[in-house]
């Protein structure tokens, strides 16, 4: 049941990305282009997501445990360190340049586009590089 729940969640998320236009890189780039061809439609997508997510977290915080796990994986702290800021900056720069973040890119893999395949390959290579460098630097 846990795997089926994860599949349904991913499917719903992917459909939501398609319906909202988040899988269209041009729409995302135009949203981020404040001084050019600015397209505010994704602001409504984000607002709608918050209207669902915020009450959802309020409900989840009141539960003792998740349905398919033994405990919630809530963050243990709220430290904003250079590593977090650098990661957020890299994510934002990549999102702005490509018009895609990992979720929409994975949905777009179904198109078979060479650009999307290259993007996802670079994403995986970057994750591997991070993990190898972080292990060396942190000793973990």
N, C-alpha and C. Protein backbone atom coordinates (compact mmCIF):
# COMPACT_ATOMS: atom_id res chain seq x y z
N UNK A 1 0.82 -1.20 0.00
CA UNK A 1 0.00 0.00 0.00
C UNK A 1 0.86 1.26 0.00
N UNK A 2 2.02 1.18 0.67
CA UNK A 2 2.92 2.34 0.72
C UNK A 2 3.41 2.71 -0.68
N UNK A 3 3.81 1.71 -1.47
CA UNK A 3 4.29 1.97 -2.83
C UNK A 3 3.17 2.50 -3.71
N UNK A 4 1.97 1.97 -3.55
CA UNK A 4 0.83 2.43 -4.34
C UNK A 4 0.50 3.88 -3.99
N UNK A 5 0.57 4.22 -2.71
CA UNK A 5 0.33 5.59 -2.27
C UNK A 5 1.37 6.54 -2.86
N UNK A 6 2.63 6.12 -2.86
CA UNK A 6 3.70 6.93 -3.44
C UNK A 6 3.48 7.11 -4.94
N UNK A 7 3.07 6.05 -5.63
CA UNK A 7 2.78 6.13 -7.06
C UNK A 7 1.65 7.12 -7.33
N UNK A 8 0.56 7.01 -6.58
CA UNK A 8 -0.57 7.93 -6.77
C UNK A 8 -0.18 9.38 -6.49
N UNK A 9 0.63 9.59 -5.46
CA UNK A 9 1.08 10.94 -5.14
C UNK A 9 1.91 11.51 -6.28
N UNK A 10 2.83 10.72 -6.80
CA UNK A 10 3.66 11.16 -7.93
C UNK A 10 2.84 11.41 -9.17
N UNK A 11 1.87 10.55 -9.43
CA UNK A 11 1.01 10.72 -10.59
C UNK A 11 0.19 12.01 -10.47
N UNK A 12 -0.39 12.24 -9.31
CA UNK A 12 -1.16 13.47 -9.08
C UNK A 12 -0.28 14.70 -9.23
N UNK A 13 0.93 14.63 -8.68
CA UNK A 13 1.87 15.74 -8.79
C UNK A 13 2.22 16.01 -10.26
N UNK A 14 2.52 14.96 -11.01
CA UNK A 14 2.86 15.11 -12.42
C UNK A 14 1.72 15.69 -13.23
N UNK A 15 0.51 15.21 -12.98
CA UNK A 15 -0.66 15.75 -13.68
C UNK A 15 -0.84 17.22 -13.33
N UNK A 16 -0.66 17.56 -12.06
CA UNK A 16 -0.76 18.96 -11.63
C UNK A 16 0.26 19.84 -12.32
N UNK A 17 1.48 19.33 -12.49
CA UNK A 17 2.52 20.10 -13.19
C UNK A 17 2.13 20.34 -14.64
N UNK A 18 1.57 19.33 -15.28
CA UNK A 18 1.17 19.47 -16.68
C UNK A 18 0.02 20.46 -16.81
N UNK A 19 -1.02 20.27 -16.01
CA UNK A 19 -2.21 21.13 -16.09
C UNK A 19 -1.87 22.59 -15.79
N UNK A 20 -0.95 22.81 -14.84
CA UNK A 20 -0.62 24.18 -14.42
C UNK A 20 0.35 24.88 -15.37
N UNK A 21 0.95 24.15 -16.29
CA UNK A 21 1.90 24.75 -17.22
C UNK A 21 3.33 24.77 -16.70
N UNK A 22 3.58 24.15 -15.56
CA UNK A 22 4.93 24.16 -14.98
C UNK A 22 5.91 23.31 -15.79
N UNK A 23 5.41 22.46 -16.68
CA UNK A 23 6.31 21.67 -17.52
C UNK A 23 6.71 22.40 -18.79
N UNK A 24 6.15 23.58 -19.01
CA UNK A 24 6.49 24.40 -20.17
C UNK A 24 7.58 25.39 -19.76
N UNK A 25 8.81 25.14 -20.20
CA UNK A 25 9.95 25.96 -19.80
C UNK A 25 9.77 27.43 -20.17
N UNK A 26 9.14 27.71 -21.28
CA UNK A 26 8.94 29.10 -21.72
C UNK A 26 8.02 29.83 -20.75
N UNK A 27 6.96 29.17 -20.31
CA UNK A 27 6.04 29.79 -19.34
C UNK A 27 6.77 30.13 -18.06
N UNK A 28 7.60 29.21 -17.59
CA UNK A 28 8.36 29.44 -16.36
C UNK A 28 9.35 30.59 -16.56
N UNK A 29 10.08 30.58 -17.67
CA UNK A 29 11.06 31.65 -17.93
C UNK A 29 10.37 33.00 -18.06
N UNK A 30 9.19 33.04 -18.69
CA UNK A 30 8.46 34.30 -18.80
C UNK A 30 7.97 34.78 -17.43
N UNK A 31 7.63 33.86 -16.56
CA UNK A 31 7.24 34.24 -15.20
C UNK A 31 8.41 34.89 -14.47
N UNK A 32 9.60 34.38 -14.71
CA UNK A 32 10.80 34.90 -14.04
C UNK A 32 11.35 36.17 -14.71
N UNK A 33 10.86 36.52 -15.89
CA UNK A 33 11.34 37.69 -16.64
C UNK A 33 10.51 38.91 -16.25
N UNK A 34 10.83 39.50 -15.11
CA UNK A 34 10.04 40.60 -14.56
C UNK A 34 10.07 41.86 -15.42
N UNK A 35 11.13 42.06 -16.18
CA UNK A 35 11.27 43.30 -16.95
C UNK A 35 11.15 43.09 -18.45
N UNK A 36 10.62 41.94 -18.85
CA UNK A 36 10.46 41.64 -20.28
C UNK A 36 9.06 41.13 -20.55
N UNK A 37 8.98 39.89 -20.98
CA UNK A 37 7.70 39.27 -21.34
C UNK A 37 7.08 38.59 -20.12
N UNK A 38 6.93 39.33 -19.03
CA UNK A 38 6.47 38.74 -17.77
C UNK A 38 5.08 38.12 -17.92
N UNK A 39 4.96 36.88 -17.45
CA UNK A 39 3.69 36.14 -17.50
C UNK A 39 3.33 35.77 -16.06
N UNK A 40 2.32 36.39 -15.46
CA UNK A 40 2.00 36.17 -14.05
C UNK A 40 1.20 34.90 -13.77
N UNK A 41 0.89 34.08 -14.76
CA UNK A 41 -0.01 32.96 -14.53
C UNK A 41 0.50 31.98 -13.48
N UNK A 42 1.81 31.78 -13.40
CA UNK A 42 2.33 30.83 -12.41
C UNK A 42 2.16 31.33 -10.98
N UNK A 43 1.95 32.63 -10.82
CA UNK A 43 1.68 33.17 -9.49
C UNK A 43 0.39 32.54 -8.95
N UNK A 44 -0.59 32.34 -9.82
CA UNK A 44 -1.85 31.72 -9.40
C UNK A 44 -1.65 30.24 -9.10
N UNK A 45 -0.78 29.58 -9.84
CA UNK A 45 -0.45 28.18 -9.57
C UNK A 45 0.16 28.07 -8.18
N UNK A 46 1.12 28.93 -7.89
CA UNK A 46 1.78 28.90 -6.58
C UNK A 46 0.80 29.26 -5.46
N UNK A 47 -0.05 30.23 -5.71
CA UNK A 47 -1.07 30.60 -4.72
C UNK A 47 -2.02 29.45 -4.45
N UNK A 48 -2.46 28.77 -5.51
CA UNK A 48 -3.33 27.61 -5.34
C UNK A 48 -2.65 26.49 -4.58
N UNK A 49 -1.36 26.30 -4.85
CA UNK A 49 -0.61 25.27 -4.12
C UNK A 49 -0.54 25.61 -2.63
N UNK A 50 -0.33 26.87 -2.32
CA UNK A 50 -0.29 27.28 -0.91
C UNK A 50 -1.64 27.12 -0.23
N UNK A 51 -2.73 27.38 -0.96
CA UNK A 51 -4.06 27.24 -0.38
C UNK A 51 -4.35 25.79 0.04
N UNK A 52 -3.71 24.85 -0.62
CA UNK A 52 -3.89 23.43 -0.27
C UNK A 52 -2.83 22.99 0.73
N UNK A 53 -1.59 23.41 0.53
CA UNK A 53 -0.48 22.92 1.33
C UNK A 53 -0.51 23.42 2.77
N UNK A 54 -0.75 24.70 2.98
CA UNK A 54 -0.70 25.27 4.33
C UNK A 54 -1.70 24.58 5.26
N UNK A 55 -2.99 24.47 4.87
CA UNK A 55 -3.91 23.74 5.76
C UNK A 55 -3.52 22.27 5.93
N UNK A 56 -2.96 21.69 4.86
CA UNK A 56 -2.50 20.30 4.96
C UNK A 56 -1.44 20.12 6.02
N UNK A 57 -0.49 21.04 6.08
CA UNK A 57 0.55 20.96 7.10
C UNK A 57 -0.01 21.18 8.50
N UNK A 58 -1.01 22.04 8.61
CA UNK A 58 -1.65 22.26 9.92
C UNK A 58 -2.26 20.94 10.41
N UNK A 59 -2.94 20.24 9.52
CA UNK A 59 -3.54 18.95 9.89
C UNK A 59 -2.45 17.93 10.21
N UNK A 60 -1.42 17.85 9.38
CA UNK A 60 -0.35 16.86 9.59
C UNK A 60 0.38 17.09 10.91
N UNK A 61 0.58 18.34 11.30
CA UNK A 61 1.28 18.64 12.56
C UNK A 61 0.51 18.13 13.78
N UNK A 62 -0.78 17.92 13.61
CA UNK A 62 -1.61 17.45 14.73
C UNK A 62 -1.63 15.93 14.84
N UNK A 63 -1.17 15.24 13.79
CA UNK A 63 -1.16 13.78 13.82
C UNK A 63 0.04 13.26 14.60
N UNK A 64 -0.13 12.10 15.20
CA UNK A 64 0.96 11.47 15.95
C UNK A 64 2.00 10.85 15.03
N UNK A 65 1.54 10.28 13.92
CA UNK A 65 2.44 9.62 12.98
C UNK A 65 1.78 9.56 11.62
N UNK A 66 2.60 9.45 10.55
CA UNK A 66 2.02 9.31 9.21
C UNK A 66 1.34 7.95 9.04
N UNK A 67 0.57 7.80 7.99
CA UNK A 67 -0.18 6.57 7.75
C UNK A 67 0.75 5.40 7.43
N UNK A 68 1.75 5.62 6.58
CA UNK A 68 2.58 4.52 6.11
C UNK A 68 4.01 4.53 6.66
N UNK A 69 4.28 5.31 7.68
CA UNK A 69 5.61 5.37 8.29
C UNK A 69 5.46 5.36 9.81
N UNK A 70 6.59 5.21 10.50
CA UNK A 70 6.56 5.19 11.96
C UNK A 70 6.67 6.59 12.55
N UNK A 71 7.24 7.54 11.77
CA UNK A 71 7.39 8.90 12.27
C UNK A 71 7.47 9.87 11.09
N UNK A 72 7.23 11.15 11.39
CA UNK A 72 7.37 12.20 10.37
C UNK A 72 8.84 12.57 10.27
N UNK A 73 9.27 12.98 9.10
CA UNK A 73 10.65 13.40 8.89
C UNK A 73 10.76 14.92 8.89
N UNK A 74 10.18 15.58 9.90
CA UNK A 74 10.24 17.04 9.97
C UNK A 74 11.68 17.50 10.17
N UNK A 75 12.05 18.64 9.64
CA UNK A 75 13.40 19.17 9.88
C UNK A 75 13.64 19.36 11.38
N UNK A 76 14.85 19.10 11.80
CA UNK A 76 15.19 19.19 13.22
C UNK A 76 15.59 20.61 13.64
N UNK A 77 15.97 21.43 12.70
CA UNK A 77 16.41 22.78 13.03
C UNK A 77 16.00 23.76 11.95
N UNK A 78 16.41 25.00 12.14
CA UNK A 78 16.09 26.02 11.14
C UNK A 78 17.33 26.84 10.80
N UNK A 79 18.49 26.20 10.86
CA UNK A 79 19.75 26.86 10.58
C UNK A 79 19.86 27.19 9.08
N UNK A 80 20.13 28.44 8.80
CA UNK A 80 20.41 28.87 7.43
C UNK A 80 21.92 29.05 7.34
N UNK A 81 22.59 28.08 6.72
CA UNK A 81 24.04 28.11 6.63
C UNK A 81 24.48 28.36 5.18
N UNK A 82 25.75 28.59 4.96
CA UNK A 82 26.24 28.86 3.59
C UNK A 82 25.92 27.74 2.61
N UNK A 83 25.93 26.51 3.07
CA UNK A 83 25.62 25.37 2.20
C UNK A 83 24.17 25.45 1.70
N UNK A 84 23.25 25.79 2.59
CA UNK A 84 21.84 25.93 2.21
C UNK A 84 21.66 27.09 1.23
N UNK A 85 22.28 28.23 1.52
CA UNK A 85 22.16 29.40 0.66
C UNK A 85 22.75 29.11 -0.73
N UNK A 86 23.91 28.46 -0.76
CA UNK A 86 24.55 28.13 -2.05
C UNK A 86 23.67 27.16 -2.85
N UNK A 87 23.13 26.16 -2.18
CA UNK A 87 22.25 25.21 -2.87
C UNK A 87 21.00 25.87 -3.41
N UNK A 88 20.40 26.75 -2.61
CA UNK A 88 19.20 27.47 -3.06
C UNK A 88 19.53 28.38 -4.25
N UNK A 89 20.68 29.03 -4.20
CA UNK A 89 21.08 29.91 -5.30
C UNK A 89 21.32 29.10 -6.58
N UNK A 90 22.00 27.97 -6.47
CA UNK A 90 22.24 27.13 -7.65
C UNK A 90 20.93 26.61 -8.22
N UNK A 91 20.03 26.20 -7.34
CA UNK A 91 18.72 25.72 -7.79
C UNK A 91 17.98 26.83 -8.53
N UNK A 92 17.95 28.02 -7.95
CA UNK A 92 17.25 29.14 -8.56
C UNK A 92 17.85 29.56 -9.89
N UNK A 93 19.16 29.60 -9.96
CA UNK A 93 19.83 29.96 -11.21
C UNK A 93 19.53 28.91 -12.29
N UNK A 94 19.63 27.65 -11.92
CA UNK A 94 19.32 26.58 -12.87
C UNK A 94 17.88 26.62 -13.33
N UNK A 95 16.96 26.88 -12.40
CA UNK A 95 15.55 26.96 -12.74
C UNK A 95 15.30 28.11 -13.71
N UNK A 96 15.95 29.24 -13.43
CA UNK A 96 15.78 30.41 -14.30
C UNK A 96 16.35 30.21 -15.68
N UNK A 97 17.51 29.59 -15.76
CA UNK A 97 18.15 29.38 -17.07
C UNK A 97 17.44 28.32 -17.90
N UNK A 98 17.09 27.22 -17.27
CA UNK A 98 16.48 26.11 -18.01
C UNK A 98 14.97 26.22 -18.08
N UNK A 99 14.37 26.91 -17.11
CA UNK A 99 12.91 26.97 -17.06
C UNK A 99 12.30 25.72 -16.49
N UNK A 100 13.14 24.85 -15.96
CA UNK A 100 12.67 23.59 -15.38
C UNK A 100 13.38 23.32 -14.06
N UNK A 101 12.67 22.69 -13.16
CA UNK A 101 13.30 22.14 -11.97
C UNK A 101 13.12 20.62 -12.06
N UNK A 102 13.64 19.84 -11.12
CA UNK A 102 13.64 18.39 -11.29
C UNK A 102 12.27 17.75 -11.54
N UNK A 103 11.23 18.17 -10.83
CA UNK A 103 9.91 17.55 -11.02
C UNK A 103 9.40 17.69 -12.45
N UNK A 104 9.27 18.91 -12.96
CA UNK A 104 8.82 19.06 -14.35
C UNK A 104 9.76 18.40 -15.36
N UNK A 105 11.05 18.40 -15.08
CA UNK A 105 11.99 17.75 -16.01
C UNK A 105 11.69 16.26 -16.10
N UNK A 106 11.44 15.62 -14.97
CA UNK A 106 11.13 14.18 -14.98
C UNK A 106 9.81 13.91 -15.72
N UNK A 107 8.82 14.78 -15.53
CA UNK A 107 7.56 14.63 -16.27
C UNK A 107 7.84 14.77 -17.77
N UNK A 108 8.68 15.73 -18.14
CA UNK A 108 8.99 15.97 -19.55
C UNK A 108 9.83 14.87 -20.19
N UNK A 109 10.40 13.97 -19.39
CA UNK A 109 11.14 12.84 -19.97
C UNK A 109 10.24 12.02 -20.90
N UNK A 110 8.94 12.02 -20.62
CA UNK A 110 8.00 11.26 -21.45
C UNK A 110 7.97 11.78 -22.89
N UNK A 111 8.42 13.01 -23.12
CA UNK A 111 8.43 13.56 -24.48
C UNK A 111 9.57 12.97 -25.31
N UNK A 112 10.60 12.46 -24.64
CA UNK A 112 11.75 11.91 -25.36
C UNK A 112 12.66 12.97 -25.93
N UNK A 113 12.47 14.22 -25.56
CA UNK A 113 13.28 15.32 -26.07
C UNK A 113 14.74 15.15 -25.65
N UNK A 114 15.64 15.34 -26.60
CA UNK A 114 17.06 15.24 -26.30
C UNK A 114 17.52 16.26 -25.27
N UNK A 115 16.96 17.46 -25.34
CA UNK A 115 17.30 18.51 -24.36
C UNK A 115 16.91 18.09 -22.94
N UNK A 116 15.73 17.49 -22.81
CA UNK A 116 15.26 17.06 -21.49
C UNK A 116 16.11 15.89 -20.99
N UNK A 117 16.44 14.97 -21.87
CA UNK A 117 17.29 13.85 -21.47
C UNK A 117 18.64 14.36 -21.01
N UNK A 118 19.21 15.32 -21.73
CA UNK A 118 20.49 15.93 -21.34
C UNK A 118 20.36 16.64 -19.99
N UNK A 119 19.26 17.38 -19.80
CA UNK A 119 19.02 18.07 -18.54
C UNK A 119 18.98 17.07 -17.38
N UNK A 120 18.23 15.98 -17.56
CA UNK A 120 18.12 14.98 -16.49
C UNK A 120 19.44 14.26 -16.24
N UNK A 121 20.20 14.01 -17.31
CA UNK A 121 21.52 13.39 -17.14
C UNK A 121 22.45 14.32 -16.35
N UNK A 122 22.41 15.62 -16.68
CA UNK A 122 23.23 16.60 -15.96
C UNK A 122 22.76 16.70 -14.50
N UNK A 123 21.46 16.62 -14.27
CA UNK A 123 20.90 16.65 -12.92
C UNK A 123 21.43 15.47 -12.11
N UNK A 124 21.37 14.28 -12.69
CA UNK A 124 21.87 13.09 -11.99
C UNK A 124 23.38 13.17 -11.75
N UNK A 125 24.13 13.65 -12.75
CA UNK A 125 25.58 13.80 -12.60
C UNK A 125 25.89 14.81 -11.49
N UNK A 126 25.15 15.91 -11.45
CA UNK A 126 25.36 16.90 -10.39
C UNK A 126 25.07 16.34 -9.01
N UNK A 127 24.03 15.53 -8.91
CA UNK A 127 23.70 14.91 -7.61
C UNK A 127 24.81 13.94 -7.18
N UNK A 128 25.31 13.17 -8.12
CA UNK A 128 26.41 12.25 -7.81
C UNK A 128 27.67 13.01 -7.41
N UNK A 129 27.97 14.06 -8.15
CA UNK A 129 29.14 14.89 -7.84
C UNK A 129 29.01 15.49 -6.44
N UNK A 130 27.85 16.03 -6.14
CA UNK A 130 27.62 16.60 -4.80
C UNK A 130 27.85 15.55 -3.73
N UNK A 131 27.24 14.37 -3.91
CA UNK A 131 27.37 13.34 -2.88
C UNK A 131 28.83 12.93 -2.69
N UNK A 132 29.59 12.79 -3.76
CA UNK A 132 31.00 12.39 -3.64
C UNK A 132 31.85 13.49 -3.01
N UNK A 133 31.62 14.73 -3.41
CA UNK A 133 32.38 15.86 -2.85
C UNK A 133 32.01 16.05 -1.39
N UNK A 134 30.71 16.00 -1.07
CA UNK A 134 30.25 16.22 0.30
C UNK A 134 30.81 15.14 1.22
N UNK A 135 30.86 13.90 0.76
CA UNK A 135 31.42 12.83 1.58
C UNK A 135 32.89 13.10 1.87
N UNK A 136 33.64 13.57 0.89
CA UNK A 136 35.06 13.86 1.10
C UNK A 136 35.25 15.03 2.04
N UNK A 137 34.45 16.11 1.86
CA UNK A 137 34.62 17.30 2.68
C UNK A 137 34.12 17.14 4.10
N UNK A 138 33.03 16.40 4.26
CA UNK A 138 32.43 16.29 5.58
C UNK A 138 32.90 15.06 6.35
N UNK A 139 33.47 14.10 5.62
CA UNK A 139 33.92 12.87 6.27
C UNK A 139 32.77 11.95 6.62
N UNK A 140 31.58 12.19 6.05
CA UNK A 140 30.41 11.35 6.37
C UNK A 140 30.24 10.24 5.37
